[in-house]
Amino acid sequence: MMASFYKQRGAMFGLDARVSLIIFTVLTLVSGYTGLKAYSQIKAQSFVTELRNISKATSQLERDLQQQLYDVVQACGAANCRQMKSFGALYTTDGTIQSGYTSRWHGPYITHADSIEAKYGIGRIYQYNESFVACTDGSACYSWLYLPTVKASSTVIDSTNEAFDGPAEGSPATSGVFRYTDNGNGTFLVNFRMGRTIN
């Protein structure tokens, strides 16, 4: 009789342990998911802040130069050279701004250029209208930030897109302020519409 009683107690203990283990596992999964989501939100907010800061810096640089960036960067013939020099002018005049405008340059307007390139690739600044096509006379022209290899999760990119263009955007590759394409290798190509050019 006593042996039977002990067996029953052992059986109950085993059941309690299994239930506790299941509850602990569920709580671990939930807290892990919550932590991952919070981490992604922090990363997205950091990216949003960085994009806004680069946009402000570009606008300030043009105000200081009193010209569009394209009009004052040094001449070069290589593909995308002018666009890369425009981005480079945010943190240095060396090899970027024509000598007649360096006295108006009060930068650097952004810091840690090396870390930006490590995270996002070599940045470029293009000048297009709001539809991302060439500016024409009389049309509003904007500075567009081009980042070719943004290292981020799809969750971070989607959250960044939602912060700028809202949750209902149907074509994030071709519409809105923040546009992106999945490169298929863990990185994204991003085009971000900044402020209007000075003239």
N, C-alpha and C. Protein backbone atom coordinates (compact mmCIF):
# COMPACT_ATOMS: atom_id res chain seq x y z
N MET A 1 0.84 -1.22 0.00
CA MET A 1 0.00 0.00 0.00
C MET A 1 0.86 1.25 0.00
N MET A 2 1.89 1.21 0.89
CA MET A 2 2.78 2.36 0.98
C MET A 2 3.54 2.57 -0.33
N ALA A 3 3.98 1.46 -0.94
CA ALA A 3 4.71 1.54 -2.22
C ALA A 3 3.83 2.15 -3.29
N SER A 4 2.57 1.76 -3.29
CA SER A 4 1.63 2.31 -4.28
C SER A 4 1.47 3.81 -4.08
N PHE A 5 1.44 4.25 -2.84
CA PHE A 5 1.31 5.69 -2.52
C PHE A 5 2.51 6.47 -3.06
N TYR A 6 3.71 5.95 -2.85
CA TYR A 6 4.91 6.62 -3.34
C TYR A 6 4.92 6.71 -4.85
N LYS A 7 4.46 5.64 -5.51
CA LYS A 7 4.40 5.65 -6.98
C LYS A 7 3.47 6.76 -7.48
N GLN A 8 2.36 6.91 -6.79
CA GLN A 8 1.41 7.95 -7.19
C GLN A 8 2.01 9.34 -6.99
N ARG A 9 2.73 9.51 -5.88
CA ARG A 9 3.37 10.81 -5.64
C ARG A 9 4.42 11.09 -6.71
N GLY A 10 5.16 10.08 -7.08
CA GLY A 10 6.16 10.24 -8.12
C GLY A 10 5.53 10.59 -9.45
N ALA A 11 4.41 9.96 -9.73
CA ALA A 11 3.71 10.23 -10.99
C ALA A 11 3.20 11.66 -11.02
N MET A 12 2.67 12.12 -9.90
CA MET A 12 2.18 13.50 -9.84
C MET A 12 3.34 14.48 -10.00
N PHE A 13 4.49 14.15 -9.35
CA PHE A 13 5.64 15.05 -9.48
C PHE A 13 6.11 15.11 -10.93
N GLY A 14 6.14 14.00 -11.59
CA GLY A 14 6.54 13.96 -12.99
C GLY A 14 5.63 14.79 -13.87
N LEU A 15 4.34 14.72 -13.62
CA LEU A 15 3.37 15.50 -14.39
C LEU A 15 3.56 16.99 -14.12
N ASP A 16 3.75 17.35 -12.85
CA ASP A 16 3.99 18.75 -12.50
C ASP A 16 5.24 19.28 -13.19
N ALA A 17 6.27 18.46 -13.23
CA ALA A 17 7.53 18.89 -13.87
C ALA A 17 7.34 19.12 -15.35
N ARG A 18 6.60 18.24 -15.99
CA ARG A 18 6.36 18.39 -17.44
C ARG A 18 5.54 19.64 -17.73
N VAL A 19 4.53 19.90 -16.93
CA VAL A 19 3.70 21.11 -17.11
C VAL A 19 4.55 22.36 -16.90
N SER A 20 5.38 22.32 -15.85
CA SER A 20 6.25 23.47 -15.59
C SER A 20 7.22 23.71 -16.73
N LEU A 21 7.76 22.61 -17.28
CA LEU A 21 8.70 22.72 -18.39
C LEU A 21 8.02 23.32 -19.63
N ILE A 22 6.79 22.91 -19.90
CA ILE A 22 6.04 23.45 -21.04
C ILE A 22 5.79 24.94 -20.85
N ILE A 23 5.36 25.31 -19.64
CA ILE A 23 5.10 26.72 -19.35
C ILE A 23 6.37 27.54 -19.50
N PHE A 24 7.48 27.03 -18.96
CA PHE A 24 8.76 27.73 -19.06
C PHE A 24 9.18 27.90 -20.51
N THR A 25 8.99 26.85 -21.31
CA THR A 25 9.36 26.92 -22.74
C THR A 25 8.54 27.96 -23.47
N VAL A 26 7.23 27.98 -23.22
CA VAL A 26 6.35 28.96 -23.86
C VAL A 26 6.75 30.38 -23.47
N LEU A 27 7.00 30.57 -22.17
CA LEU A 27 7.40 31.91 -21.71
C LEU A 27 8.73 32.34 -22.33
N THR A 28 9.66 31.39 -22.47
CA THR A 28 10.94 31.70 -23.09
C THR A 28 10.76 32.12 -24.55
N LEU A 29 9.91 31.39 -25.27
CA LEU A 29 9.66 31.71 -26.68
C LEU A 29 9.00 33.09 -26.82
N VAL A 30 8.02 33.35 -25.97
CA VAL A 30 7.32 34.64 -26.02
C VAL A 30 8.27 35.79 -25.70
N SER A 31 9.06 35.62 -24.63
CA SER A 31 9.98 36.69 -24.25
C SER A 31 11.06 36.87 -25.30
N GLY A 32 11.51 35.76 -25.92
CA GLY A 32 12.50 35.85 -26.98
C GLY A 32 11.96 36.59 -28.19
N TYR A 33 10.71 36.29 -28.58
CA TYR A 33 10.08 36.98 -29.70
C TYR A 33 9.90 38.46 -29.39
N THR A 34 9.46 38.75 -28.15
CA THR A 34 9.26 40.14 -27.74
C THR A 34 10.57 40.90 -27.75
N GLY A 35 11.62 40.25 -27.26
CA GLY A 35 12.94 40.89 -27.24
C GLY A 35 13.46 41.15 -28.64
N LEU A 36 13.26 40.18 -29.54
CA LEU A 36 13.71 40.35 -30.93
C LEU A 36 12.94 41.47 -31.62
N LYS A 37 11.65 41.54 -31.35
CA LYS A 37 10.83 42.60 -31.95
C LYS A 37 11.26 43.97 -31.44
N ALA A 38 11.52 44.05 -30.13
CA ALA A 38 11.98 45.32 -29.56
C ALA A 38 13.33 45.72 -30.13
N TYR A 39 14.22 44.74 -30.32
CA TYR A 39 15.54 45.02 -30.90
C TYR A 39 15.39 45.55 -32.33
N SER A 40 14.50 44.93 -33.11
CA SER A 40 14.27 45.38 -34.49
C SER A 40 13.71 46.79 -34.52
N GLN A 41 12.82 47.10 -33.58
CA GLN A 41 12.25 48.45 -33.52
C GLN A 41 13.32 49.48 -33.17
N ILE A 42 14.23 49.12 -32.28
CA ILE A 42 15.32 50.03 -31.92
C ILE A 42 16.23 50.25 -33.13
N LYS A 43 16.55 49.18 -33.85
CA LYS A 43 17.39 49.30 -35.04
C LYS A 43 16.72 50.14 -36.11
N ALA A 44 15.42 49.97 -36.30
CA ALA A 44 14.68 50.74 -37.29
C ALA A 44 14.66 52.22 -36.91
N GLN A 45 14.42 52.50 -35.63
CA GLN A 45 14.41 53.90 -35.18
C GLN A 45 15.76 54.56 -35.36
N SER A 46 16.82 53.79 -35.12
CA SER A 46 18.17 54.31 -35.33
C SER A 46 18.41 54.63 -36.80
N PHE A 47 17.93 53.77 -37.69
CA PHE A 47 18.08 54.00 -39.12
C PHE A 47 17.29 55.22 -39.56
N VAL A 48 16.07 55.34 -39.07
CA VAL A 48 15.22 56.50 -39.38
C VAL A 48 15.93 57.79 -38.95
N THR A 49 16.47 57.79 -37.75
CA THR A 49 17.18 58.97 -37.23
C THR A 49 18.38 59.31 -38.10
N GLU A 50 19.12 58.29 -38.49
CA GLU A 50 20.32 58.52 -39.31
C GLU A 50 19.94 59.11 -40.68
N LEU A 51 18.90 58.59 -41.28
CA LEU A 51 18.45 59.12 -42.57
C LEU A 51 18.00 60.58 -42.44
N ARG A 52 17.27 60.87 -41.39
CA ARG A 52 16.82 62.26 -41.18
C ARG A 52 18.01 63.19 -40.94
N ASN A 53 19.01 62.71 -40.22
CA ASN A 53 20.19 63.54 -39.97
C ASN A 53 20.97 63.81 -41.26
N ILE A 54 21.09 62.81 -42.12
CA ILE A 54 21.77 63.01 -43.40
C ILE A 54 20.98 63.99 -44.26
N SER A 55 19.67 63.90 -44.22
CA SER A 55 18.82 64.83 -44.97
C SER A 55 19.02 66.27 -44.49
N LYS A 56 19.02 66.46 -43.17
CA LYS A 56 19.24 67.81 -42.61
C LYS A 56 20.63 68.33 -42.98
N ALA A 57 21.60 67.42 -42.93
CA ALA A 57 22.98 67.81 -43.25
C ALA A 57 23.10 68.26 -44.70
N THR A 58 22.44 67.55 -45.59
CA THR A 58 22.49 67.90 -47.02
C THR A 58 21.86 69.26 -47.27
N SER A 59 20.72 69.51 -46.62
CA SER A 59 20.05 70.81 -46.77
C SER A 59 20.93 71.94 -46.22
N GLN A 60 21.57 71.71 -45.08
CA GLN A 60 22.43 72.72 -44.49
C GLN A 60 23.64 73.00 -45.37
N LEU A 61 24.22 71.95 -45.95
CA LEU A 61 25.37 72.12 -46.83
C LEU A 61 25.01 72.99 -48.02
N GLU A 62 23.86 72.74 -48.64
CA GLU A 62 23.46 73.56 -49.79
C GLU A 62 23.20 75.01 -49.37
N ARG A 63 22.62 75.20 -48.19
CA ARG A 63 22.38 76.57 -47.72
C ARG A 63 23.71 77.29 -47.52
N ASP A 64 24.69 76.59 -46.96
CA ASP A 64 26.00 77.21 -46.75
C ASP A 64 26.69 77.54 -48.07
N LEU A 65 26.60 76.62 -49.02
CA LEU A 65 27.24 76.82 -50.32
C LEU A 65 26.47 77.80 -51.20
N GLN A 66 25.18 77.97 -50.89
CA GLN A 66 24.28 78.84 -51.67
C GLN A 66 24.16 78.35 -53.11
N GLN A 67 24.32 77.05 -53.29
CA GLN A 67 24.21 76.44 -54.61
C GLN A 67 23.76 74.98 -54.45
N GLN A 68 23.23 74.42 -55.53
CA GLN A 68 23.00 72.99 -55.54
C GLN A 68 24.34 72.26 -55.48
N LEU A 69 24.35 71.13 -54.83
CA LEU A 69 25.58 70.34 -54.73
C LEU A 69 26.16 70.02 -56.11
N TYR A 70 25.30 69.65 -57.03
CA TYR A 70 25.76 69.26 -58.37
C TYR A 70 26.54 70.39 -59.04
N ASP A 71 26.22 71.64 -58.69
CA ASP A 71 26.86 72.77 -59.36
C ASP A 71 28.23 73.10 -58.79
N VAL A 72 28.57 72.56 -57.64
CA VAL A 72 29.82 72.96 -56.98
C VAL A 72 30.81 71.81 -56.76
N VAL A 73 30.40 70.57 -57.02
CA VAL A 73 31.36 69.48 -56.87
C VAL A 73 32.36 69.52 -58.02
N GLN A 74 33.53 68.99 -57.78
CA GLN A 74 34.57 68.99 -58.80
C GLN A 74 34.17 68.12 -59.99
N ALA A 75 34.63 68.55 -61.16
CA ALA A 75 34.31 67.82 -62.39
C ALA A 75 34.96 66.43 -62.38
N CYS A 76 34.24 65.47 -62.89
CA CYS A 76 34.79 64.12 -63.05
C CYS A 76 33.96 63.39 -64.10
N GLY A 77 34.61 62.47 -64.78
CA GLY A 77 33.93 61.81 -65.89
C GLY A 77 33.46 60.40 -65.62
N ALA A 78 33.91 59.80 -64.51
CA ALA A 78 33.54 58.41 -64.23
C ALA A 78 32.06 58.29 -63.87
N ALA A 79 31.52 57.11 -64.10
CA ALA A 79 30.11 56.87 -63.79
C ALA A 79 29.84 57.07 -62.30
N ASN A 80 28.79 57.79 -62.01
CA ASN A 80 28.35 58.07 -60.64
C ASN A 80 29.34 58.89 -59.82
N CYS A 81 30.36 59.44 -60.47
CA CYS A 81 31.39 60.20 -59.76
C CYS A 81 30.81 61.44 -59.09
N ARG A 82 30.01 62.16 -59.84
CA ARG A 82 29.42 63.39 -59.30
C ARG A 82 28.54 63.09 -58.09
N GLN A 83 27.80 62.00 -58.16
CA GLN A 83 26.91 61.63 -57.07
C GLN A 83 27.70 61.21 -55.83
N MET A 84 28.80 60.49 -56.02
CA MET A 84 29.63 60.10 -54.87
C MET A 84 30.34 61.30 -54.26
N LYS A 85 30.78 62.23 -55.09
CA LYS A 85 31.41 63.45 -54.57
C LYS A 85 30.41 64.30 -53.80
N SER A 86 29.17 64.30 -54.25
CA SER A 86 28.13 65.05 -53.54
C SER A 86 27.94 64.50 -52.13
N PHE A 87 27.96 63.18 -52.00
CA PHE A 87 27.85 62.58 -50.67
C PHE A 87 29.11 62.85 -49.86
N GLY A 88 30.26 62.72 -50.51
CA GLY A 88 31.53 62.96 -49.82
C GLY A 88 31.66 64.37 -49.29
N ALA A 89 31.01 65.32 -49.96
CA ALA A 89 31.08 66.73 -49.54
C ALA A 89 30.43 66.95 -48.18
N LEU A 90 29.67 65.99 -47.70
CA LEU A 90 29.06 66.12 -46.38
C LEU A 90 30.10 66.05 -45.27
N TYR A 91 31.24 65.41 -45.54
CA TYR A 91 32.23 65.28 -44.47
C TYR A 91 33.63 65.74 -44.83
N THR A 92 33.87 66.15 -46.09
CA THR A 92 35.18 66.67 -46.44
C THR A 92 35.09 67.52 -47.70
N THR A 93 36.05 68.46 -47.83
CA THR A 93 36.17 69.21 -49.09
C THR A 93 37.26 68.61 -49.97
N ASP A 94 38.02 67.71 -49.41
CA ASP A 94 39.14 67.11 -50.13
C ASP A 94 38.65 66.27 -51.30
N GLY A 95 38.88 66.78 -52.50
CA GLY A 95 38.49 66.06 -53.70
C GLY A 95 37.01 66.11 -54.02
N THR A 96 36.26 66.98 -53.34
CA THR A 96 34.81 67.02 -53.57
C THR A 96 34.32 68.39 -54.07
N ILE A 97 34.61 69.45 -53.34
CA ILE A 97 34.07 70.78 -53.65
C ILE A 97 35.07 71.58 -54.48
N GLN A 98 34.55 72.33 -55.45
CA GLN A 98 35.41 73.23 -56.22
C GLN A 98 36.06 74.26 -55.28
N SER A 99 37.28 74.62 -55.58
CA SER A 99 38.06 75.49 -54.69
C SER A 99 37.38 76.83 -54.41
N GLY A 100 36.61 77.34 -55.36
CA GLY A 100 35.94 78.62 -55.17
C GLY A 100 34.84 78.59 -54.13
N TYR A 101 34.46 77.38 -53.67
CA TYR A 101 33.35 77.26 -52.71
C TYR A 101 33.80 76.71 -51.35
N THR A 102 35.06 76.36 -51.21
CA THR A 102 35.48 75.73 -49.96
C THR A 102 35.37 76.67 -48.76
N SER A 103 35.48 77.97 -48.99
CA SER A 103 35.36 78.92 -47.86
C SER A 103 33.95 78.95 -47.30
N ARG A 104 32.97 78.53 -48.08
CA ARG A 104 31.58 78.50 -47.61
C ARG A 104 31.23 77.18 -46.89
N TRP A 105 32.11 76.24 -46.99
CA TRP A 105 31.87 74.91 -46.40
C TRP A 105 32.16 74.98 -44.91
N HIS A 106 31.20 74.64 -44.08
CA HIS A 106 31.36 74.73 -42.62
C HIS A 106 31.16 73.37 -41.95
N GLY A 107 31.57 72.34 -42.65
CA GLY A 107 31.40 70.98 -42.13
C GLY A 107 32.52 70.56 -41.21
N PRO A 108 32.58 69.28 -40.87
CA PRO A 108 31.77 68.21 -41.48
C PRO A 108 30.31 68.25 -41.03
N TYR A 109 29.44 67.89 -41.95
CA TYR A 109 28.00 67.91 -41.69
C TYR A 109 27.51 66.57 -41.17
N ILE A 110 28.28 65.52 -41.45
CA ILE A 110 28.04 64.21 -40.86
C ILE A 110 29.39 63.69 -40.37
N THR A 111 29.35 62.77 -39.44
CA THR A 111 30.58 62.16 -38.93
C THR A 111 30.53 60.66 -39.16
N HIS A 112 31.63 60.03 -38.90
CA HIS A 112 31.72 58.58 -39.01
C HIS A 112 31.35 58.09 -40.42
N ALA A 113 31.90 58.73 -41.41
CA ALA A 113 31.62 58.34 -42.79
C ALA A 113 32.02 56.90 -43.05
N ASP A 114 33.13 56.46 -42.45
CA ASP A 114 33.58 55.08 -42.65
C ASP A 114 32.56 54.09 -42.12
N SER A 115 31.97 54.40 -40.97
CA SER A 115 30.98 53.47 -40.40
C SER A 115 29.70 53.46 -41.23
N ILE A 116 29.35 54.61 -41.82
CA ILE A 116 28.18 54.66 -42.71
C ILE A 116 28.41 53.77 -43.92
N GLU A 117 29.60 53.87 -44.51
CA GLU A 117 29.89 53.05 -45.68
C GLU A 117 29.96 51.57 -45.33
N ALA A 118 30.44 51.25 -44.13
CA ALA A 118 30.51 49.86 -43.70
C ALA A 118 29.11 49.26 -43.56
N LYS A 119 28.17 50.07 -43.11
CA LYS A 119 26.80 49.58 -42.90
C LYS A 119 25.95 49.63 -44.15
N TYR A 120 26.19 50.65 -45.00
CA TYR A 120 25.26 50.92 -46.08
C TYR A 120 25.88 50.92 -47.48
N GLY A 121 27.18 50.78 -47.58
CA GLY A 121 27.83 50.89 -48.88
C GLY A 121 28.22 52.34 -49.16
N ILE A 122 28.85 52.57 -50.29
CA ILE A 122 29.31 53.91 -50.66
C ILE A 122 28.11 54.75 -51.06
N GLY A 123 27.82 55.77 -50.26
CA GLY A 123 26.64 56.60 -50.49
C GLY A 123 26.79 57.51 -51.69
N ARG A 124 25.66 57.85 -52.28
CA ARG A 124 25.61 58.81 -53.39
C ARG A 124 24.40 59.72 -53.16
N ILE A 125 24.48 60.91 -53.72
CA ILE A 125 23.34 61.82 -53.70
C ILE A 125 22.99 62.16 -55.14
N TYR A 126 21.78 61.83 -55.52
CA TYR A 126 21.26 62.14 -56.85
C TYR A 126 20.29 63.31 -56.74
N GLN A 127 20.05 63.96 -57.86
CA GLN A 127 19.05 65.01 -57.91
C GLN A 127 17.98 64.61 -58.92
N TYR A 128 16.80 64.31 -58.38
CA TYR A 128 15.64 63.90 -59.18
C TYR A 128 14.41 64.62 -58.66
N ASN A 129 13.32 64.50 -59.41
CA ASN A 129 12.06 65.04 -58.91
C ASN A 129 11.46 64.04 -57.93
N GLU A 130 10.27 64.33 -57.43
CA GLU A 130 9.69 63.48 -56.40
C GLU A 130 9.34 62.08 -56.91
N SER A 131 9.26 61.91 -58.22
CA SER A 131 8.97 60.61 -58.80
C SER A 131 10.22 59.82 -59.15
N PHE A 132 11.38 60.36 -58.78
CA PHE A 132 12.66 59.70 -59.00
C PHE A 132 13.02 59.64 -60.48
N VAL A 133 12.72 60.71 -61.18
CA VAL A 133 13.16 60.86 -62.57
C VAL A 133 13.86 62.21 -62.69
N ALA A 134 14.58 62.39 -63.79
CA ALA A 134 15.41 63.59 -63.97
C ALA A 134 14.60 64.87 -63.80
N CYS A 135 15.20 65.83 -63.12
CA CYS A 135 14.55 67.14 -62.93
C CYS A 135 14.47 67.87 -64.27
N THR A 136 13.40 68.60 -64.44
CA THR A 136 13.24 69.44 -65.62
C THR A 136 13.06 70.87 -65.18
N ASP A 137 13.25 71.80 -66.10
CA ASP A 137 13.09 73.22 -65.78
C ASP A 137 11.69 73.47 -65.24
N GLY A 138 11.64 74.16 -64.11
CA GLY A 138 10.35 74.52 -63.52
C GLY A 138 9.78 73.46 -62.59
N SER A 139 10.38 72.26 -62.53
CA SER A 139 9.85 71.22 -61.64
C SER A 139 10.64 71.23 -60.33
N ALA A 140 10.00 70.79 -59.28
CA ALA A 140 10.67 70.69 -57.99
C ALA A 140 11.72 69.59 -58.04
N CYS A 141 12.92 69.90 -57.58
CA CYS A 141 14.02 68.96 -57.62
C CYS A 141 14.42 68.60 -56.18
N TYR A 142 14.69 67.34 -55.95
CA TYR A 142 15.03 66.86 -54.61
C TYR A 142 16.39 66.17 -54.61
N SER A 143 17.01 66.16 -53.45
CA SER A 143 18.20 65.34 -53.24
C SER A 143 17.73 63.96 -52.81
N TRP A 144 18.21 62.95 -53.51
CA TRP A 144 17.89 61.56 -53.18
C TRP A 144 19.16 60.86 -52.68
N LEU A 145 19.07 60.26 -51.52
CA LEU A 145 20.19 59.51 -50.96
C LEU A 145 20.12 58.08 -51.46
N TYR A 146 21.23 57.63 -52.03
CA TYR A 146 21.32 56.26 -52.55
C TYR A 146 22.29 55.47 -51.66
N LEU A 147 21.80 54.38 -51.09
CA LEU A 147 22.62 53.49 -50.27
C LEU A 147 22.51 52.09 -50.86
N PRO A 148 23.59 51.55 -51.43
CA PRO A 148 23.48 50.33 -52.24
C PRO A 148 23.39 49.02 -51.46
N THR A 149 23.98 48.97 -50.27
CA THR A 149 24.03 47.69 -49.56
C THR A 149 23.75 47.90 -48.07
N VAL A 150 22.51 48.19 -47.74
CA VAL A 150 22.11 48.39 -46.34
C VAL A 150 21.99 47.02 -45.67
N LYS A 151 22.82 46.82 -44.64
CA LYS A 151 22.81 45.55 -43.90
C LYS A 151 21.76 45.63 -42.80
N ALA A 152 20.61 45.03 -43.06
CA ALA A 152 19.51 45.07 -42.09
C ALA A 152 18.55 43.93 -42.38
N SER A 153 17.77 43.58 -41.38
CA SER A 153 16.75 42.55 -41.58
C SER A 153 15.56 43.14 -42.31
N SER A 154 14.74 42.28 -42.90
CA SER A 154 13.54 42.75 -43.59
C SER A 154 12.59 43.44 -42.61
N THR A 155 12.59 43.01 -41.35
CA THR A 155 11.74 43.64 -40.34
C THR A 155 12.16 45.08 -40.11
N VAL A 156 13.46 45.32 -40.03
CA VAL A 156 13.97 46.68 -39.83
C VAL A 156 13.63 47.55 -41.03
N ILE A 157 13.82 47.02 -42.24
CA ILE A 157 13.52 47.78 -43.46
C ILE A 157 12.04 48.09 -43.56
N ASP A 158 11.19 47.11 -43.27
CA ASP A 158 9.74 47.33 -43.32
C ASP A 158 9.30 48.37 -42.29
N SER A 159 9.88 48.31 -41.10
CA SER A 159 9.53 49.29 -40.06
C SER A 159 9.99 50.69 -40.45
N THR A 160 11.16 50.78 -41.08
CA THR A 160 11.65 52.08 -41.55
C THR A 160 10.75 52.64 -42.63
N ASN A 161 10.35 51.78 -43.56
CA ASN A 161 9.44 52.20 -44.62
C ASN A 161 8.12 52.69 -44.04
N GLU A 162 7.60 51.97 -43.05
CA GLU A 162 6.34 52.37 -42.43
C GLU A 162 6.47 53.72 -41.72
N ALA A 163 7.63 53.98 -41.12
CA ALA A 163 7.85 55.25 -40.41
C ALA A 163 7.77 56.43 -41.37
N PHE A 164 8.24 56.25 -42.60
CA PHE A 164 8.24 57.34 -43.57
C PHE A 164 6.98 57.37 -44.45
N ASP A 165 6.49 56.21 -44.84
CA ASP A 165 5.44 56.15 -45.86
C ASP A 165 4.13 55.54 -45.38
N GLY A 166 4.06 55.14 -44.11
CA GLY A 166 2.83 54.59 -43.56
C GLY A 166 2.68 53.11 -43.86
N PRO A 167 1.73 52.46 -43.17
CA PRO A 167 1.59 51.01 -43.29
C PRO A 167 0.88 50.53 -44.55
N ALA A 168 0.20 51.43 -45.25
CA ALA A 168 -0.63 50.99 -46.38
C ALA A 168 0.06 51.13 -47.74
N GLU A 169 1.35 51.44 -47.76
CA GLU A 169 2.03 51.61 -49.03
C GLU A 169 2.07 50.30 -49.80
N GLY A 170 1.67 50.35 -51.07
CA GLY A 170 1.59 49.12 -51.85
C GLY A 170 2.85 48.75 -52.61
N SER A 171 3.65 49.74 -53.01
CA SER A 171 4.82 49.48 -53.85
C SER A 171 6.05 50.18 -53.28
N PRO A 172 6.66 49.62 -52.25
CA PRO A 172 7.78 50.31 -51.60
C PRO A 172 9.01 50.46 -52.49
N ALA A 173 9.09 49.71 -53.57
CA ALA A 173 10.25 49.83 -54.47
C ALA A 173 10.13 51.05 -55.38
N THR A 174 8.89 51.51 -55.62
CA THR A 174 8.70 52.55 -56.63
C THR A 174 7.87 53.74 -56.15
N SER A 175 7.47 53.77 -54.89
CA SER A 175 6.66 54.88 -54.41
C SER A 175 7.10 55.30 -53.02
N GLY A 176 6.72 56.51 -52.66
CA GLY A 176 7.01 56.99 -51.32
C GLY A 176 8.35 57.68 -51.19
N VAL A 177 8.64 58.11 -49.99
CA VAL A 177 9.89 58.79 -49.66
C VAL A 177 11.02 57.78 -49.51
N PHE A 178 10.71 56.65 -48.91
CA PHE A 178 11.69 55.58 -48.65
C PHE A 178 11.39 54.43 -49.61
N ARG A 179 12.35 54.12 -50.47
CA ARG A 179 12.16 53.06 -51.46
C ARG A 179 13.29 52.04 -51.33
N TYR A 180 12.94 50.79 -51.45
CA TYR A 180 13.98 49.78 -51.27
C TYR A 180 13.74 48.56 -52.15
N THR A 181 14.82 47.87 -52.42
CA THR A 181 14.81 46.62 -53.16
C THR A 181 15.70 45.63 -52.44
N ASP A 182 15.22 44.40 -52.30
CA ASP A 182 16.01 43.35 -51.66
C ASP A 182 17.09 42.87 -52.62
N ASN A 183 18.35 42.98 -52.22
CA ASN A 183 19.46 42.53 -53.07
C ASN A 183 19.59 41.01 -53.10
N GLY A 184 18.90 40.35 -52.16
CA GLY A 184 18.93 38.90 -52.14
C GLY A 184 20.13 38.29 -51.43
N ASN A 185 20.95 39.11 -50.81
CA ASN A 185 22.14 38.60 -50.12
C ASN A 185 22.23 39.11 -48.68
N GLY A 186 21.07 39.44 -48.12
CA GLY A 186 21.05 39.97 -46.75
C GLY A 186 21.20 41.48 -46.69
N THR A 187 21.22 42.14 -47.86
CA THR A 187 21.31 43.60 -47.90
C THR A 187 20.18 44.15 -48.77
N PHE A 188 19.96 45.46 -48.63
CA PHE A 188 18.91 46.14 -49.39
C PHE A 188 19.48 47.37 -50.07
N LEU A 189 19.00 47.64 -51.27
CA LEU A 189 19.31 48.91 -51.94
C LEU A 189 18.23 49.90 -51.54
N VAL A 190 18.65 51.05 -51.03
CA VAL A 190 17.69 52.06 -50.53
C VAL A 190 17.88 53.37 -51.27
N ASN A 191 16.76 53.97 -51.67
CA ASN A 191 16.73 55.34 -52.18
C ASN A 191 15.80 56.13 -51.25
N PHE A 192 16.32 57.22 -50.72
CA PHE A 192 15.57 58.01 -49.74
C PHE A 192 15.50 59.46 -50.21
N ARG A 193 14.27 59.95 -50.37
CA ARG A 193 14.07 61.32 -50.80
C ARG A 193 14.27 62.27 -49.64
N MET A 194 15.24 63.16 -49.82
CA MET A 194 15.54 64.14 -48.79
C MET A 194 14.83 65.45 -49.13
N GLY A 195 15.42 66.58 -48.78
CA GLY A 195 14.76 67.86 -49.00
C GLY A 195 14.91 68.35 -50.44
N ARG A 196 14.15 69.40 -50.75
CA ARG A 196 14.27 70.03 -52.07
C ARG A 196 15.61 70.71 -52.20
N THR A 197 16.12 70.70 -53.40
CA THR A 197 17.39 71.38 -53.63
C THR A 197 17.18 72.89 -53.54
N ILE A 198 18.28 73.62 -53.41
CA ILE A 198 18.19 75.05 -53.12
C ILE A 198 17.59 75.86 -54.26
N ASN A 199 17.76 75.41 -55.48
CA ASN A 199 17.13 76.12 -56.61
C ASN A 199 16.93 75.18 -57.78
